[in-house]
Protein backbone atom coordinates (compact mmCIF):
# COMPACT_ATOMS: atom_id res chain seq x y z
CA MET A 1 0.01 0.01 -0.06
CA GLY A 2 1.16 3.41 -0.87
CA GLU A 3 1.44 6.65 1.23
CA ARG A 4 -1.75 8.85 1.68
CA ILE A 5 -1.02 12.22 0.26
CA THR A 6 -3.20 15.19 -0.70
CA ILE A 7 -2.89 16.68 -4.32
CA ILE A 8 -4.74 19.35 -6.15
CA LEU A 9 -5.65 18.67 -9.78
CA GLY A 10 -7.12 21.09 -12.20
CA SER A 11 -10.71 20.43 -13.18
CA ALA A 12 -9.79 19.76 -16.82
CA ASN A 13 -7.34 17.05 -15.71
CA VAL A 14 -9.74 15.46 -13.31
CA GLU A 15 -12.35 15.34 -16.15
CA LYS A 16 -9.88 13.71 -18.42
CA LEU A 17 -8.87 11.15 -15.79
CA ARG A 18 -12.58 10.45 -15.08
CA ASN A 19 -13.18 9.74 -18.76
CA ILE A 20 -10.30 7.34 -18.99
CA GLN A 21 -11.54 5.74 -15.70
CA ALA A 22 -14.92 5.24 -17.20
CA LYS A 23 -13.57 3.63 -20.31
CA MET A 24 -11.39 1.27 -18.23
CA ILE A 25 -14.49 0.38 -16.09
CA LYS A 26 -16.37 -0.62 -19.17
CA THR A 27 -13.71 -2.92 -20.48
CA SER A 28 -12.47 -4.42 -17.22
CA PRO A 29 -14.20 -6.94 -15.00
CA LYS A 30 -12.59 -5.28 -12.03
CA TYR A 31 -13.34 -1.92 -10.45
CA ILE A 32 -10.73 0.74 -11.42
CA SER A 33 -10.32 3.25 -8.52
CA PHE A 34 -9.23 6.86 -9.20
CA SER A 35 -6.30 6.19 -7.25
CA HIS A 36 -5.23 3.21 -9.16
CA LEU A 37 -5.88 5.01 -12.41
CA LEU A 38 -3.87 7.97 -11.24
CA ASN A 39 -0.95 5.73 -10.27
CA LEU A 40 -1.01 4.09 -13.71
CA VAL A 41 -0.96 7.48 -15.47
CA VAL A 42 1.90 8.74 -13.33
CA VAL A 43 4.03 5.63 -13.88
CA GLU A 44 3.47 5.89 -17.71
CA GLY A 45 4.43 9.64 -17.54
CA LEU A 46 7.56 8.93 -15.47
CA LYS A 47 8.79 6.42 -17.95
CA LYS A 48 9.58 9.43 -20.24
CA TYR A 49 11.91 11.06 -17.69
CA ARG A 50 14.03 7.91 -16.78
CA ALA A 51 17.66 8.49 -17.41
């Protein structure tokens, strides 16, 4: 389990993430939490910055 932190996201980013979450929920037999989705997006984004 990860750390509990508080972040502030812009409403446009939240809307985009919720749309991605909705698409994933429709195609997955499991529930996709917002935290899980956010972690997936961050991991993919960080791959671009690995040295």
